[in-house]
Amino acid sequence: MEKVNSCTHFKTQKGSGQGSHHWLIHRVLAVGLIWLGLWFAKFCITLTGTTQEEMLKEFQTPYNTTMLILFLSFSFYHGWLGSVEVIEDYIHNTCIKGSVKIILLFTMLFLFVLGLLAILKLFIS
């Protein structure tokens, strides 16, 4: 009877040839995060010294909600791309590499949805 390796799927995955595309996306996200980070810093500074009601009004404006969602999206996607790059560079066992990438993906998605729901709850309330 032939022994079946459960990691054969990961071993058969060759380079996708998308390295330059991922590099470009990572850089575009980084530039976007510079501007979104500056906006976020300004937004946090404007919230200092405000009451809870004033703060809630700031979160309920469509512009601020959109910018927060963009900041969250760019941050998580940029973080995921960078983490996958580190995993691919430093983990050499294909079974462990594939497993870690899947765990990372679901963890990042869970945290992103959690943040998105928090922003939307502030917008709706």
PDB file of N, CA and C in Angstrom:
ATOM      1  N   MET A   1       0.846  -1.177   0.000  1.00  0.00           N
ATOM      2  CA  MET A   1       0.000   0.000   0.000  1.00  0.00           C
ATOM      3  C   MET A   1       0.893   1.243   0.000  1.00  0.00           C
ATOM      4  N   GLU A   2       0.568   2.199  -0.838  1.00  0.00           N
ATOM      5  CA  GLU A   2       1.376   3.406  -0.982  1.00  0.00           C
ATOM      6  C   GLU A   2       1.022   4.410   0.103  1.00  0.00           C
ATOM      7  N   LYS A   3       2.042   4.944   0.708  1.00  0.00           N
ATOM      8  CA  LYS A   3       1.845   5.957   1.743  1.00  0.00           C
ATOM      9  C   LYS A   3       1.506   7.285   1.069  1.00  0.00           C
ATOM     10  N   VAL A   4       0.410   7.906   1.500  1.00  0.00           N
ATOM     11  CA  VAL A   4      -0.030   9.174   0.923  1.00  0.00           C
ATOM     12  C   VAL A   4       0.459  10.309   1.806  1.00  0.00           C
ATOM     13  N   ASN A   5       1.111  11.254   1.195  1.00  0.00           N
ATOM     14  CA  ASN A   5       1.594  12.418   1.923  1.00  0.00           C
ATOM     15  C   ASN A   5       0.507  13.480   1.909  1.00  0.00           C
ATOM     16  N   SER A   6       0.108  13.948   3.080  1.00  0.00           N
ATOM     17  CA  SER A   6      -0.973  14.932   3.156  1.00  0.00           C
ATOM     18  C   SER A   6      -0.535  16.312   2.678  1.00  0.00           C
ATOM     19  N   CYS A   7       0.731  16.501   2.447  1.00  0.00           N
ATOM     20  CA  CYS A   7       1.227  17.813   2.028  1.00  0.00           C
ATOM     21  C   CYS A   7       1.544  17.865   0.540  1.00  0.00           C
ATOM     22  N   THR A   8       1.089  16.888  -0.234  1.00  0.00           N
ATOM     23  CA  THR A   8       1.422  16.884  -1.652  1.00  0.00           C
ATOM     24  C   THR A   8       0.831  18.086  -2.378  1.00  0.00           C
ATOM     25  N   HIS A   9      -0.306  18.569  -1.911  1.00  0.00           N
ATOM     26  CA  HIS A   9      -0.909  19.746  -2.547  1.00  0.00           C
ATOM     27  C   HIS A   9       0.018  20.943  -2.434  1.00  0.00           C
ATOM     28  N   PHE A  10       0.608  21.133  -1.267  1.00  0.00           N
ATOM     29  CA  PHE A  10       1.497  22.273  -1.064  1.00  0.00           C
ATOM     30  C   PHE A  10       2.798  22.088  -1.851  1.00  0.00           C
ATOM     31  N   LYS A  11       3.270  20.851  -1.965  1.00  0.00           N
ATOM     32  CA  LYS A  11       4.523  20.606  -2.677  1.00  0.00           C
ATOM     33  C   LYS A  11       4.377  20.835  -4.169  1.00  0.00           C
ATOM     34  N   THR A  12       3.197  20.609  -4.703  1.00  0.00           N
ATOM     35  CA  THR A  12       3.013  20.771  -6.144  1.00  0.00           C
ATOM     36  C   THR A  12       2.790  22.220  -6.535  1.00  0.00           C
ATOM     37  N   GLN A  13       2.604  23.100  -5.575  1.00  0.00           N
ATOM     38  CA  GLN A  13       2.401  24.513  -5.881  1.00  0.00           C
ATOM     39  C   GLN A  13       3.733  25.146  -6.240  1.00  0.00           C
ATOM     40  N   LYS A  14       3.882  25.501  -7.476  1.00  0.00           N
ATOM     41  CA  LYS A  14       5.104  26.163  -7.941  1.00  0.00           C
ATOM     42  C   LYS A  14       4.925  27.671  -7.827  1.00  0.00           C
ATOM     43  N   GLY A  15       5.978  28.386  -8.120  1.00  0.00           N
ATOM     44  CA  GLY A  15       5.885  29.845  -8.130  1.00  0.00           C
ATOM     45  C   GLY A  15       4.827  30.285  -9.124  1.00  0.00           C
ATOM     46  N   SER A  16       4.028  31.235  -8.732  1.00  0.00           N
ATOM     47  CA  SER A  16       2.908  31.652  -9.574  1.00  0.00           C
ATOM     48  C   SER A  16       3.322  32.642 -10.651  1.00  0.00           C
ATOM     49  N   GLY A  17       4.545  33.130 -10.586  1.00  0.00           N
ATOM     50  CA  GLY A  17       4.978  34.128 -11.545  1.00  0.00           C
ATOM     51  C   GLY A  17       4.344  35.492 -11.302  1.00  0.00           C
ATOM     52  N   GLN A  18       3.791  35.684 -10.122  1.00  0.00           N
ATOM     53  CA  GLN A  18       3.112  36.924  -9.777  1.00  0.00           C
ATOM     54  C   GLN A  18       3.935  37.793  -8.841  1.00  0.00           C
ATOM     55  N   GLY A  19       5.240  37.534  -8.764  1.00  0.00           N
ATOM     56  CA  GLY A  19       6.089  38.265  -7.826  1.00  0.00           C
ATOM     57  C   GLY A  19       6.096  39.758  -8.061  1.00  0.00           C
ATOM     58  N   SER A  20       6.202  40.174  -9.327  1.00  0.00           N
ATOM     59  CA  SER A  20       6.233  41.611  -9.600  1.00  0.00           C
ATOM     60  C   SER A  20       4.880  42.257  -9.309  1.00  0.00           C
ATOM     61  N   HIS A  21       3.805  41.509  -9.544  1.00  0.00           N
ATOM     62  CA  HIS A  21       2.467  42.031  -9.240  1.00  0.00           C
ATOM     63  C   HIS A  21       2.314  42.236  -7.736  1.00  0.00           C
ATOM     64  N   HIS A  22       2.737  41.251  -6.942  1.00  0.00           N
ATOM     65  CA  HIS A  22       2.648  41.369  -5.486  1.00  0.00           C
ATOM     66  C   HIS A  22       3.532  42.511  -4.983  1.00  0.00           C
ATOM     67  N   TRP A  23       4.706  42.662  -5.577  1.00  0.00           N
ATOM     68  CA  TRP A  23       5.603  43.737  -5.189  1.00  0.00           C
ATOM     69  C   TRP A  23       4.946  45.095  -5.432  1.00  0.00           C
ATOM     70  N   LEU A  24       4.325  45.247  -6.616  1.00  0.00           N
ATOM     71  CA  LEU A  24       3.672  46.505  -6.961  1.00  0.00           C
ATOM     72  C   LEU A  24       2.486  46.785  -6.043  1.00  0.00           C
ATOM     73  N   ILE A  25       1.659  45.782  -5.792  1.00  0.00           N
ATOM     74  CA  ILE A  25       0.500  45.955  -4.898  1.00  0.00           C
ATOM     75  C   ILE A  25       0.974  46.351  -3.503  1.00  0.00           C
ATOM     76  N   HIS A  26       2.031  45.703  -3.034  1.00  0.00           N
ATOM     77  CA  HIS A  26       2.560  46.012  -1.699  1.00  0.00           C
ATOM     78  C   HIS A  26       3.018  47.464  -1.621  1.00  0.00           C
ATOM     79  N   ARG A  27       3.657  47.959  -2.679  1.00  0.00           N
ATOM     80  CA  ARG A  27       4.133  49.346  -2.688  1.00  0.00           C
ATOM     81  C   ARG A  27       2.983  50.339  -2.799  1.00  0.00           C
ATOM     82  N   VAL A  28       1.977  50.021  -3.612  1.00  0.00           N
ATOM     83  CA  VAL A  28       0.802  50.899  -3.736  1.00  0.00           C
ATOM     84  C   VAL A  28       0.074  50.984  -2.396  1.00  0.00           C
ATOM     85  N   LEU A  29      -0.066  49.855  -1.721  1.00  0.00           N
ATOM     86  CA  LEU A  29      -0.699  49.862  -0.400  1.00  0.00           C
ATOM     87  C   LEU A  29       0.112  50.693   0.588  1.00  0.00           C
ATOM     88  N   ALA A  30       1.440  50.600   0.504  1.00  0.00           N
ATOM     89  CA  ALA A  30       2.292  51.369   1.418  1.00  0.00           C
ATOM     90  C   ALA A  30       2.117  52.867   1.201  1.00  0.00           C
ATOM     91  N   VAL A  31       2.057  53.287  -0.061  1.00  0.00           N
ATOM     92  CA  VAL A  31       1.852  54.710  -0.348  1.00  0.00           C
ATOM     93  C   VAL A  31       0.467  55.145   0.132  1.00  0.00           C
ATOM     94  N   GLY A  32      -0.542  54.312  -0.106  1.00  0.00           N
ATOM     95  CA  GLY A  32      -1.882  54.627   0.387  1.00  0.00           C
ATOM     96  C   GLY A  32      -1.927  54.719   1.897  1.00  0.00           C
ATOM     97  N   LEU A  33      -1.169  53.845   2.560  1.00  0.00           N
ATOM     98  CA  LEU A  33      -1.148  53.869   4.026  1.00  0.00           C
ATOM     99  C   LEU A  33      -0.451  55.104   4.575  1.00  0.00           C
ATOM    100  N   ILE A  34       0.462  55.671   3.810  1.00  0.00           N
ATOM    101  CA  ILE A  34       1.086  56.927   4.268  1.00  0.00           C
ATOM    102  C   ILE A  34       0.007  57.991   4.399  1.00  0.00           C
ATOM    103  N   TRP A  35      -0.792  58.157   3.348  1.00  0.00           N
ATOM    104  CA  TRP A  35      -1.839  59.192   3.361  1.00  0.00           C
ATOM    105  C   TRP A  35      -2.951  58.848   4.352  1.00  0.00           C
ATOM    106  N   LEU A  36      -3.341  57.581   4.395  1.00  0.00           N
ATOM    107  CA  LEU A  36      -4.376  57.188   5.348  1.00  0.00           C
ATOM    108  C   LEU A  36      -3.878  57.295   6.788  1.00  0.00           C
ATOM    109  N   GLY A  37      -2.602  57.005   6.997  1.00  0.00           N
ATOM    110  CA  GLY A  37      -2.019  57.142   8.336  1.00  0.00           C
ATOM    111  C   GLY A  37      -1.991  58.591   8.794  1.00  0.00           C
ATOM    112  N   LEU A  38      -1.672  59.487   7.873  1.00  0.00           N
ATOM    113  CA  LEU A  38      -1.707  60.921   8.209  1.00  0.00           C
ATOM    114  C   LEU A  38      -3.126  61.362   8.537  1.00  0.00           C
ATOM    115  N   TRP A  39      -4.088  60.893   7.736  1.00  0.00           N
ATOM    116  CA  TRP A  39      -5.488  61.225   8.027  1.00  0.00           C
ATOM    117  C   TRP A  39      -5.886  60.669   9.394  1.00  0.00           C
ATOM    118  N   PHE A  40      -5.482  59.404   9.675  1.00  0.00           N
ATOM    119  CA  PHE A  40      -5.854  58.771  10.939  1.00  0.00           C
ATOM    120  C   PHE A  40      -5.253  59.522  12.124  1.00  0.00           C
ATOM    121  N   ALA A  41      -4.017  59.962  11.995  1.00  0.00           N
ATOM    122  CA  ALA A  41      -3.378  60.735  13.070  1.00  0.00           C
ATOM    123  C   ALA A  41      -4.141  62.040  13.304  1.00  0.00           C
ATOM    124  N   LYS A  42      -4.499  62.725  12.211  1.00  0.00           N
ATOM    125  CA  LYS A  42      -5.277  63.964  12.313  1.00  0.00           C
ATOM    126  C   LYS A  42      -6.640  63.689  12.958  1.00  0.00           C
ATOM    127  N   PHE A  43      -7.264  62.586  12.561  1.00  0.00           N
ATOM    128  CA  PHE A  43      -8.567  62.206  13.111  1.00  0.00           C
ATOM    129  C   PHE A  43      -8.462  61.951  14.612  1.00  0.00           C
ATOM    130  N   CYS A  44      -7.419  61.255  15.036  1.00  0.00           N
ATOM    131  CA  CYS A  44      -7.239  60.978  16.465  1.00  0.00           C
ATOM    132  C   CYS A  44      -6.972  62.260  17.253  1.00  0.00           C
ATOM    133  N   ILE A  45      -6.210  63.173  16.657  1.00  0.00           N
ATOM    134  CA  ILE A  45      -5.920  64.442  17.330  1.00  0.00           C
ATOM    135  C   ILE A  45      -7.195  65.263  17.499  1.00  0.00           C
ATOM    136  N   THR A  46      -8.072  65.240  16.481  1.00  0.00           N
ATOM    137  CA  THR A  46      -9.324  66.001  16.601  1.00  0.00           C
ATOM    138  C   THR A  46     -10.256  65.402  17.645  1.00  0.00           C
ATOM    139  N   LEU A  47     -10.077  64.130  17.959  1.00  0.00           N
ATOM    140  CA  LEU A  47     -10.949  63.493  18.954  1.00  0.00           C
ATOM    141  C   LEU A  47     -10.501  63.737  20.390  1.00  0.00           C
ATOM    142  N   THR A  48      -9.281  64.232  20.577  1.00  0.00           N
ATOM    143  CA  THR A  48      -8.806  64.461  21.943  1.00  0.00           C
ATOM    144  C   THR A  48      -9.584  65.606  22.579  1.00  0.00           C
ATOM    145  N   GLY A  49      -9.986  65.382  23.788  1.00  0.00           N
ATOM    146  CA  GLY A  49     -10.708  66.408  24.534  1.00  0.00           C
ATOM    147  C   GLY A  49     -12.172  66.541  24.173  1.00  0.00           C
ATOM    148  N   THR A  50     -12.710  65.626  23.394  1.00  0.00           N
ATOM    149  CA  THR A  50     -14.132  65.704  23.032  1.00  0.00           C
ATOM    150  C   THR A  50     -14.946  64.812  23.963  1.00  0.00           C
ATOM    151  N   THR A  51     -16.219  65.118  24.048  1.00  0.00           N
ATOM    152  CA  THR A  51     -17.114  64.280  24.850  1.00  0.00           C
ATOM    153  C   THR A  51     -17.469  63.027  24.053  1.00  0.00           C
ATOM    154  N   GLN A  52     -18.105  62.096  24.730  1.00  0.00           N
ATOM    155  CA  GLN A  52     -18.479  60.845  24.075  1.00  0.00           C
ATOM    156  C   GLN A  52     -19.489  61.095  22.944  1.00  0.00           C
ATOM    157  N   GLU A  53     -20.399  62.012  23.146  1.00  0.00           N
ATOM    158  CA  GLU A  53     -21.403  62.320  22.120  1.00  0.00           C
ATOM    159  C   GLU A  53     -20.751  62.947  20.883  1.00  0.00           C
ATOM    160  N   GLU A  54     -19.813  63.880  21.112  1.00  0.00           N
ATOM    161  CA  GLU A  54     -19.109  64.505  19.987  1.00  0.00           C
ATOM    162  C   GLU A  54     -18.270  63.483  19.225  1.00  0.00           C
ATOM    163  N   MET A  55     -17.656  62.575  19.972  1.00  0.00           N
ATOM    164  CA  MET A  55     -16.838  61.543  19.350  1.00  0.00           C
ATOM    165  C   MET A  55     -17.702  60.614  18.490  1.00  0.00           C
ATOM    166  N   LEU A  56     -18.867  60.255  19.005  1.00  0.00           N
ATOM    167  CA  LEU A  56     -19.776  59.398  18.252  1.00  0.00           C
ATOM    168  C   LEU A  56     -20.251  60.085  16.981  1.00  0.00           C
ATOM    169  N   LYS A  57     -20.482  61.394  17.043  1.00  0.00           N
ATOM    170  CA  LYS A  57     -20.885  62.143  15.842  1.00  0.00           C
ATOM    171  C   LYS A  57     -19.785  62.110  14.783  1.00  0.00           C
ATOM    172  N   GLU A  58     -18.521  62.196  15.223  1.00  0.00           N
ATOM    173  CA  GLU A  58     -17.406  62.125  14.273  1.00  0.00           C
ATOM    174  C   GLU A  58     -17.344  60.760  13.590  1.00  0.00           C
ATOM    175  N   PHE A  59     -17.611  59.691  14.352  1.00  0.00           N
ATOM    176  CA  PHE A  59     -17.592  58.342  13.790  1.00  0.00           C
ATOM    177  C   PHE A  59     -18.780  58.102  12.858  1.00  0.00           C
ATOM    178  N   GLN A  60     -19.839  58.865  13.018  1.00  0.00           N
ATOM    179  CA  GLN A  60     -21.049  58.636  12.225  1.00  0.00           C
ATOM    180  C   GLN A  60     -21.066  59.393  10.904  1.00  0.00           C
ATOM    181  N   THR A  61     -20.073  60.197  10.628  1.00  0.00           N
ATOM    182  CA  THR A  61     -20.049  60.876   9.331  1.00  0.00           C
ATOM    183  C   THR A  61     -19.596  59.879   8.264  1.00  0.00           C
ATOM    184  N   PRO A  62     -20.232  59.905   7.095  1.00  0.00           N
ATOM    185  CA  PRO A  62     -19.866  58.949   6.036  1.00  0.00           C
ATOM    186  C   PRO A  62     -18.394  59.052   5.611  1.00  0.00           C
ATOM    187  N   TYR A  63     -17.849  60.260   5.576  1.00  0.00           N
ATOM    188  CA  TYR A  63     -16.454  60.443   5.173  1.00  0.00           C
ATOM    189  C   TYR A  63     -15.513  59.731   6.138  1.00  0.00           C
ATOM    190  N   ASN A  64     -15.690  59.968   7.441  1.00  0.00           N
ATOM    191  CA  ASN A  64     -14.812  59.346   8.431  1.00  0.00           C
ATOM    192  C   ASN A  64     -14.974  57.829   8.452  1.00  0.00           C
ATOM    193  N   THR A  65     -16.199  57.351   8.299  1.00  0.00           N
ATOM    194  CA  THR A  65     -16.420  55.906   8.265  1.00  0.00           C
ATOM    195  C   THR A  65     -15.740  55.287   7.063  1.00  0.00           C
ATOM    196  N   THR A  66     -15.855  55.927   5.915  1.00  0.00           N
ATOM    197  CA  THR A  66     -15.203  55.420   4.709  1.00  0.00           C
ATOM    198  C   THR A  66     -13.688  55.406   4.866  1.00  0.00           C
ATOM    199  N   MET A  67     -13.152  56.466   5.409  1.00  0.00           N
ATOM    200  CA  MET A  67     -11.701  56.541   5.604  1.00  0.00           C
ATOM    201  C   MET A  67     -11.217  55.490   6.611  1.00  0.00           C
ATOM    202  N   LEU A  68     -11.990  55.256   7.669  1.00  0.00           N
ATOM    203  CA  LEU A  68     -11.617  54.218   8.630  1.00  0.00           C
ATOM    204  C   LEU A  68     -11.640  52.836   7.994  1.00  0.00           C
ATOM    205  N   ILE A  69     -12.638  52.567   7.171  1.00  0.00           N
ATOM    206  CA  ILE A  69     -12.722  51.269   6.491  1.00  0.00           C
ATOM    207  C   ILE A  69     -11.562  51.108   5.509  1.00  0.00           C
ATOM    208  N   LEU A  70     -11.222  52.176   4.786  1.00  0.00           N
ATOM    209  CA  LEU A  70     -10.070  52.125   3.882  1.00  0.00           C
ATOM    210  C   LEU A  70      -8.774  51.889   4.654  1.00  0.00           C
ATOM    211  N   PHE A  71      -8.606  52.583   5.770  1.00  0.00           N
ATOM    212  CA  PHE A  71      -7.405  52.417   6.583  1.00  0.00           C
ATOM    213  C   PHE A  71      -7.301  50.983   7.096  1.00  0.00           C
ATOM    214  N   LEU A  72      -8.406  50.438   7.565  1.00  0.00           N
ATOM    215  CA  LEU A  72      -8.430  49.063   8.052  1.00  0.00           C
ATOM    216  C   LEU A  72      -8.122  48.085   6.923  1.00  0.00           C
ATOM    217  N   SER A  73      -8.746  48.274   5.767  1.00  0.00           N
ATOM    218  CA  SER A  73      -8.547  47.376   4.628  1.00  0.00           C
ATOM    219  C   SER A  73      -7.108  47.406   4.139  1.00  0.00           C
ATOM    220  N   PHE A  74      -6.574  48.604   3.922  1.00  0.00           N
ATOM    221  CA  PHE A  74      -5.199  48.735   3.453  1.00  0.00           C
ATOM    222  C   PHE A  74      -4.229  48.123   4.465  1.00  0.00           C
ATOM    223  N   SER A  75      -4.467  48.376   5.754  1.00  0.00           N
ATOM    224  CA  SER A  75      -3.567  47.872   6.794  1.00  0.00           C
ATOM    225  C   SER A  75      -3.533  46.354   6.822  1.00  0.00           C
ATOM    226  N   PHE A  76      -4.699  45.742   6.802  1.00  0.00           N
ATOM    227  CA  PHE A  76      -4.737  44.282   6.874  1.00  0.00           C
ATOM    228  C   PHE A  76      -4.191  43.633   5.610  1.00  0.00           C
ATOM    229  N   TYR A  77      -4.509  44.176   4.438  1.00  0.00           N
ATOM    230  CA  TYR A  77      -4.008  43.579   3.207  1.00  0.00           C
ATOM    231  C   TYR A  77      -2.495  43.747   3.110  1.00  0.00           C
ATOM    232  N   HIS A  78      -1.988  44.914   3.458  1.00  0.00           N
ATOM    233  CA  HIS A  78      -0.551  45.165   3.463  1.00  0.00           C
ATOM    234  C   HIS A  78       0.143  44.230   4.467  1.00  0.00           C
ATOM    235  N   GLY A  79      -0.435  44.079   5.637  1.00  0.00           N
ATOM    236  CA  GLY A  79       0.126  43.188   6.647  1.00  0.00           C
ATOM    237  C   GLY A  79       0.114  41.744   6.215  1.00  0.00           C
ATOM    238  N   TRP A  80      -0.961  41.331   5.553  1.00  0.00           N
ATOM    239  CA  TRP A  80      -1.054  39.953   5.086  1.00  0.00           C
ATOM    240  C   TRP A  80      -0.013  39.681   4.002  1.00  0.00           C
ATOM    241  N   LEU A  81       0.121  40.596   3.042  1.00  0.00           N
ATOM    242  CA  LEU A  81       1.123  40.401   1.986  1.00  0.00           C
ATOM    243  C   LEU A  81       2.533  40.316   2.560  1.00  0.00           C
ATOM    244  N   GLY A  82       2.843  41.187   3.501  1.00  0.00           N
ATOM    245  CA  GLY A  82       4.168  41.157   4.117  1.00  0.00           C
ATOM    246  C   GLY A  82       4.411  39.894   4.918  1.00  0.00           C
ATOM    247  N   SER A  83       3.397  39.447   5.642  1.00  0.00           N
ATOM    248  CA  SER A  83       3.538  38.227   6.444  1.00  0.00           C
ATOM    249  C   SER A  83       3.712  36.993   5.569  1.00  0.00           C
ATOM    250  N   VAL A  84       2.974  36.931   4.469  1.00  0.00           N
ATOM    251  CA  VAL A  84       3.114  35.804   3.542  1.00  0.00           C
ATOM    252  C   VAL A  84       4.515  35.795   2.935  1.00  0.00           C
ATOM    253  N   GLU A  85       5.037  36.955   2.629  1.00  0.00           N
ATOM    254  CA  GLU A  85       6.398  37.048   2.081  1.00  0.00           C
ATOM    255  C   GLU A  85       7.418  36.510   3.084  1.00  0.00           C
ATOM    256  N   VAL A  86       7.261  36.866   4.351  1.00  0.00           N
ATOM    257  CA  VAL A  86       8.173  36.373   5.389  1.00  0.00           C
ATOM    258  C   VAL A  86       8.045  34.863   5.529  1.00  0.00           C
ATOM    259  N   ILE A  87       6.809  34.361   5.511  1.00  0.00           N
ATOM    260  CA  ILE A  87       6.584  32.915   5.621  1.00  0.00           C
ATOM    261  C   ILE A  87       7.247  32.191   4.451  1.00  0.00           C
ATOM    262  N   GLU A  88       7.058  32.701   3.242  1.00  0.00           N
ATOM    263  CA  GLU A  88       7.638  32.045   2.072  1.00  0.00           C
ATOM    264  C   GLU A  88       9.159  32.088   2.090  1.00  0.00           C
ATOM    265  N   ASP A  89       9.734  33.125   2.651  1.00  0.00           N
ATOM    266  CA  ASP A  89      11.188  33.250   2.682  1.00  0.00           C
ATOM    267  C   ASP A  89      11.847  32.417   3.777  1.00  0.00           C
ATOM    268  N   TYR A  90      11.205  32.261   4.923  1.00  0.00           N
ATOM    269  CA  TYR A  90      11.888  31.681   6.068  1.00  0.00           C
ATOM    270  C   TYR A  90      11.377  30.320   6.518  1.00  0.00           C
ATOM    271  N   ILE A  91      10.257  29.860   6.014  1.00  0.00           N
ATOM    272  CA  ILE A  91       9.787  28.514   6.352  1.00  0.00           C
ATOM    273  C   ILE A  91      10.001  27.645   5.128  1.00  0.00           C
ATOM    274  N   HIS A  92      10.833  26.624   5.256  1.00  0.00           N
ATOM    275  CA  HIS A  92      11.218  25.820   4.110  1.00  0.00           C
ATOM    276  C   HIS A  92      10.423  24.534   3.980  1.00  0.00           C
ATOM    277  N   ASN A  93       9.815  24.062   5.051  1.00  0.00           N
ATOM    278  CA  ASN A  93       8.989  22.865   4.992  1.00  0.00           C
ATOM    279  C   ASN A  93       7.655  23.239   4.349  1.00  0.00           C
ATOM    280  N   THR A  94       7.345  22.626   3.204  1.00  0.00           N
ATOM    281  CA  THR A  94       6.161  23.035   2.442  1.00  0.00           C
ATOM    282  C   THR A  94       4.857  22.758   3.181  1.00  0.00           C
ATOM    283  N   CYS A  95       4.822  21.694   3.961  1.00  0.00           N
ATOM    284  CA  CYS A  95       3.597  21.386   4.709  1.00  0.00           C
ATOM    285  C   CYS A  95       3.345  22.439   5.788  1.00  0.00           C
ATOM    286  N   ILE A  96       4.379  22.773   6.533  1.00  0.00           N
ATOM    287  CA  ILE A  96       4.246  23.789   7.579  1.00  0.00           C
ATOM    288  C   ILE A  96       3.958  25.150   6.951  1.00  0.00           C
ATOM    289  N   LYS A  97       4.644  25.463   5.854  1.00  0.00           N
ATOM    290  CA  LYS A  97       4.454  26.742   5.174  1.00  0.00           C
ATOM    291  C   LYS A  97       2.996  26.907   4.730  1.00  0.00           C
ATOM    292  N   GLY A  98       2.433  25.898   4.111  1.00  0.00           N
ATOM    293  CA  GLY A  98       1.044  25.975   3.666  1.00  0.00           C
ATOM    294  C   GLY A  98       0.076  26.099   4.826  1.00  0.00           C
ATOM    295  N   SER A  99       0.334  25.340   5.890  1.00  0.00           N
ATOM    296  CA  SER A  99      -0.543  25.384   7.059  1.00  0.00           C
ATOM    297  C   SER A  99      -0.506  26.754   7.737  1.00  0.00           C
ATOM    298  N   VAL A 100       0.689  27.298   7.885  1.00  0.00           N
ATOM    299  CA  VAL A 100       0.830  28.604   8.528  1.00  0.00           C
ATOM    300  C   VAL A 100       0.147  29.681   7.691  1.00  0.00           C
ATOM    301  N   LYS A 101       0.279  29.602   6.364  1.00  0.00           N
ATOM    302  CA  LYS A 101      -0.370  30.586   5.500  1.00  0.00           C
ATOM    303  C   LYS A 101      -1.893  30.512   5.601  1.00  0.00           C
ATOM    304  N   ILE A 102      -2.436  29.317   5.722  1.00  0.00           N
ATOM    305  CA  ILE A 102      -3.891  29.170   5.866  1.00  0.00           C
ATOM    306  C   ILE A 102      -4.347  29.720   7.218  1.00  0.00           C
ATOM    307  N   ILE A 103      -3.615  29.392   8.277  1.00  0.00           N
ATOM    308  CA  ILE A 103      -3.960  29.899   9.614  1.00  0.00           C
ATOM    309  C   ILE A 103      -3.878  31.422   9.628  1.00  0.00           C
ATOM    310  N   LEU A 104      -2.834  31.968   9.006  1.00  0.00           N
ATOM    311  CA  LEU A 104      -2.677  33.422   8.925  1.00  0.00           C
ATOM    312  C   LEU A 104      -3.844  34.064   8.180  1.00  0.00           C
ATOM    313  N   LEU A 105      -4.229  33.469   7.058  1.00  0.00           N
ATOM    314  CA  LEU A 105      -5.329  34.013   6.263  1.00  0.00           C
ATOM    315  C   LEU A 105      -6.620  34.080   7.073  1.00  0.00           C
ATOM    316  N   PHE A 106      -6.973  32.991   7.729  1.00  0.00           N
ATOM    317  CA  PHE A 106      -8.220  32.988   8.499  1.00  0.00           C
ATOM    318  C   PHE A 106      -8.151  33.910   9.714  1.00  0.00           C
ATOM    319  N   THR A 107      -6.981  34.005  10.342  1.00  0.00           N
ATOM    320  CA  THR A 107      -6.832  34.915  11.476  1.00  0.00           C
ATOM    321  C   THR A 107      -6.988  36.363  11.035  1.00  0.00           C
ATOM    322  N   MET A 108      -6.327  36.715   9.919  1.00  0.00           N
ATOM    323  CA  MET A 108      -6.416  38.087   9.407  1.00  0.00           C
ATOM    324  C   MET A 108      -7.849  38.411   8.966  1.00  0.00           C
ATOM    325  N   LEU A 109      -8.504  37.477   8.306  1.00  0.00           N
ATOM    326  CA  LEU A 109      -9.890  37.710   7.887  1.00  0.00           C
ATOM    327  C   LEU A 109     -10.811  37.894   9.084  1.00  0.00           C
ATOM    328  N   PHE A 110     -10.625  37.075  10.114  1.00  0.00           N
ATOM    329  CA  PHE A 110     -11.448  37.188  11.312  1.00  0.00           C
ATOM    330  C   PHE A 110     -11.264  38.555  11.970  1.00  0.00           C
ATOM    331  N   LEU A 111     -10.023  38.972  12.121  1.00  0.00           N
ATOM    332  CA  LEU A 111      -9.751  40.264  12.752  1.00  0.00           C
ATOM    333  C   LEU A 111     -10.243  41.429  11.894  1.00  0.00           C
ATOM    334  N   PHE A 112     -10.124  41.303  10.567  1.00  0.00           N
ATOM    335  CA  PHE A 112     -10.620  42.348   9.677  1.00  0.00           C
ATOM    336  C   PHE A 112     -12.138  42.483   9.797  1.00  0.00           C
ATOM    337  N   VAL A 113     -12.842  41.368   9.775  1.00  0.00           N
ATOM    338  CA  VAL A 113     -14.308  41.411   9.894  1.00  0.00           C
ATOM    339  C   VAL A 113     -14.714  41.973  11.247  1.00  0.00           C
ATOM    340  N   LEU A 114     -13.982  41.620  12.295  1.00  0.00           N
ATOM    341  CA  LEU A 114     -14.257  42.162  13.631  1.00  0.00           C
ATOM    342  C   LEU A 114     -14.111  43.684  13.638  1.00  0.00           C
ATOM    343  N   GLY A 115     -13.037  44.192  13.053  1.00  0.00           N
ATOM    344  CA  GLY A 115     -12.827  45.641  12.976  1.00  0.00           C
ATOM    345  C   GLY A 115     -13.877  46.320  12.123  1.00  0.00           C
ATOM    346  N   LEU A 116     -14.234  45.691  11.002  1.00  0.00           N
ATOM    347  CA  LEU A 116     -15.252  46.242  10.119  1.00  0.00           C
ATOM    348  C   LEU A 116     -16.604  46.331  10.820  1.00  0.00           C
ATOM    349  N   LEU A 117     -16.956  45.285  11.552  1.00  0.00           N
ATOM    350  CA  LEU A 117     -18.225  45.308  12.293  1.00  0.00           C
ATOM    351  C   LEU A 117     -18.218  46.384  13.377  1.00  0.00           C
ATOM    352  N   ALA A 118     -17.081  46.604  14.014  1.00  0.00           N
ATOM    353  CA  ALA A 118     -16.989  47.647  15.043  1.00  0.00           C
ATOM    354  C   ALA A 118     -17.183  49.029  14.425  1.00  0.00           C
ATOM    355  N   ILE A 119     -16.559  49.266  13.268  1.00  0.00           N
ATOM    356  CA  ILE A 119     -16.711  50.560  12.593  1.00  0.00           C
ATOM    357  C   ILE A 119     -18.151  50.763  12.157  1.00  0.00           C
ATOM    358  N   LEU A 120     -18.746  49.731  11.585  1.00  0.00           N
ATOM    359  CA  LEU A 120     -20.137  49.847  11.128  1.00  0.00           C
ATOM    360  C   LEU A 120     -21.104  50.022  12.286  1.00  0.00           C
ATOM    361  N   LYS A 121     -20.818  49.392  13.423  1.00  0.00           N
ATOM    362  CA  LYS A 121     -21.676  49.568  14.598  1.00  0.00           C
ATOM    363  C   LYS A 121     -21.630  51.005  15.095  1.00  0.00           C
ATOM    364  N   LEU A 122     -20.438  51.600  15.082  1.00  0.00           N
ATOM    365  CA  LEU A 122     -20.315  53.013  15.464  1.00  0.00           C
ATOM    366  C   LEU A 122     -21.057  53.911  14.483  1.00  0.00           C
ATOM    367  N   PHE A 123     -21.004  53.578  13.202  1.00  0.00           N
ATOM    368  CA  PHE A 123     -21.676  54.385  12.180  1.00  0.00           C
ATOM    369  C   PHE A 123     -23.186  54.307  12.326  1.00  0.00           C
ATOM    370  N   ILE A 124     -23.693  53.116  12.622  1.00  0.00           N
ATOM    371  CA  ILE A 124     -25.161  52.921  12.705  1.00  0.00           C
ATOM    372  C   ILE A 124     -25.724  53.440  14.011  1.00  0.00           C
ATOM    373  N   SER A 125     -24.971  53.323  15.121  1.00  0.00           N
ATOM    374  CA  SER A 125     -25.524  53.702  16.419  1.00  0.00           C
ATOM    375  C   SER A 125     -25.728  55.188  16.569  1.00  0.00           C
TER     376      SER A 125
END
